[in-house]
Protein backbone atom coordinates (compact mmCIF):
# COMPACT_ATOMS: atom_id res chain seq x y z
CA MET A 1 18.60 20.54 0.63
CA LYS A 2 21.66 18.93 1.96
CA THR A 3 22.81 15.11 1.52
CA ILE A 4 24.36 12.96 4.23
CA THR A 5 25.97 9.79 4.01
CA LEU A 6 25.46 7.09 6.77
CA ARG A 7 28.24 4.43 7.17
CA ASN A 8 28.38 1.29 9.27
CA ILE A 9 24.67 0.80 9.63
CA PRO A 10 23.99 -2.71 10.98
CA LYS A 11 22.64 -5.37 8.79
CA GLU A 12 19.68 -6.09 11.19
CA LEU A 13 18.66 -2.24 11.02
CA VAL A 14 18.91 -2.08 7.28
CA ARG A 15 16.77 -5.27 6.79
CA ILE A 16 14.19 -3.55 9.26
CA LEU A 17 14.00 -0.34 7.60
CA ARG A 18 13.60 -1.85 3.88
CA ARG A 19 10.81 -4.18 5.29
CA LYS A 20 9.05 -1.12 6.78
CA ALA A 21 9.56 1.07 3.69
CA ARG A 22 7.95 -1.63 1.71
CA GLU A 23 5.04 -2.13 4.11
CA GLU A 24 4.44 1.67 4.07
CA GLY A 25 4.88 2.00 0.31
CA MET A 26 7.52 4.50 0.33
CA SER A 27 11.13 4.68 -0.88
CA TYR A 28 14.00 3.56 1.69
CA SER A 29 15.17 7.24 1.54
CA LYS A 30 11.85 8.83 2.27
CA LEU A 31 11.19 6.51 5.12
CA ALA A 32 14.77 7.12 6.45
CA LEU A 33 14.17 10.90 6.37
CA LYS A 34 10.74 10.49 7.91
CA LEU A 35 12.24 8.57 10.71
CA LEU A 36 15.05 11.20 11.39
CA GLU A 37 12.54 14.06 11.47
CA GLN A 38 10.56 12.27 13.85
CA GLY A 39 13.49 11.26 16.15
CA ALA A 40 14.21 14.78 16.13
CA GLY A 41 10.98 15.95 17.17
CA LEU A 42 10.14 17.78 13.81
CA GLN A 43 7.28 15.37 12.94
CA LYS A 44 5.04 13.39 15.20
CA PRO A 45 4.51 9.86 14.37
CA LYS A 46 0.96 9.08 12.97
CA LYS A 47 -1.15 7.18 15.34
CA PRO A 48 -1.76 3.66 13.76
CA ARG A 49 -5.65 3.15 13.16
CA ALA A 50 -6.98 1.60 15.89
CA ALA A 51 -8.82 -1.99 15.51
CA TYR A 52 -12.01 -2.08 17.13
CA HIS A 53 -13.42 -5.20 18.87
CA ASP A 54 -16.37 -3.59 20.70
CA LEU A 55 -18.54 -6.59 20.49
CA ASP A 56 -15.92 -9.29 21.50
CA ALA A 57 -16.78 -9.32 25.28
CA LEU A 58 -20.50 -10.44 23.97
CA ALA A 59 -19.45 -13.07 21.71
CA GLY A 60 -20.34 -16.50 23.29
CA THR A 61 -21.94 -15.18 26.35
CA TRP A 62 -25.71 -15.97 25.40
CA SER A 63 -27.20 -19.17 26.79
CA ARG A 64 -28.73 -21.65 24.35
CA SER A 65 -32.16 -20.29 25.16
CA GLU A 66 -31.35 -16.69 24.82
CA SER A 67 -29.89 -17.53 21.39
CA ALA A 68 -32.94 -19.47 20.52
CA GLN A 69 -35.10 -16.65 21.46
CA PHE A 70 -33.13 -14.21 19.31
CA GLU A 71 -33.30 -16.42 16.37
CA LYS A 72 -37.10 -16.67 16.83
CA ALA A 73 -37.30 -12.91 16.80
CA LEU A 74 -35.53 -12.68 13.77
CA ARG A 75 -37.32 -15.02 11.80
CA GLU A 76 -40.23 -12.53 11.38
CA LEU A 77 -37.74 -9.95 9.96
CA ARG A 78 -36.42 -12.37 7.53
CA LYS A 79 -39.82 -13.17 5.70
CA ILE A 80 -39.98 -11.60 2.26
CA ASP A 81 -43.36 -9.99 1.53
CA SER A 82 -44.09 -11.48 -1.96
CA GLU A 83 -46.56 -8.39 -2.58
CA LEU A 84 -43.56 -5.74 -2.33
CA TRP A 85 -41.78 -7.75 -4.94
CA SER A 86 -44.41 -8.84 -7.41
CA LYS A 87 -44.71 -6.63 -10.56
């Protein structure tokens, strides 16, 4: 495997690369190699894990009446059957 030396790397780029290497838990050298491979098209960048917010559209959309009906329906489900838990 060959070794190359890069000169005149801007300070801002070095700072960003070091931070990214720390975040990804890899060495500075491994990160640089990974980014070079991606840039050359030898390795596709991994897609970041999606953060799902599927229920966000529902948050806060119930009226007080609808919320009260839902709570009333849940009340029965929250009851503890003491016969099931007795010895």
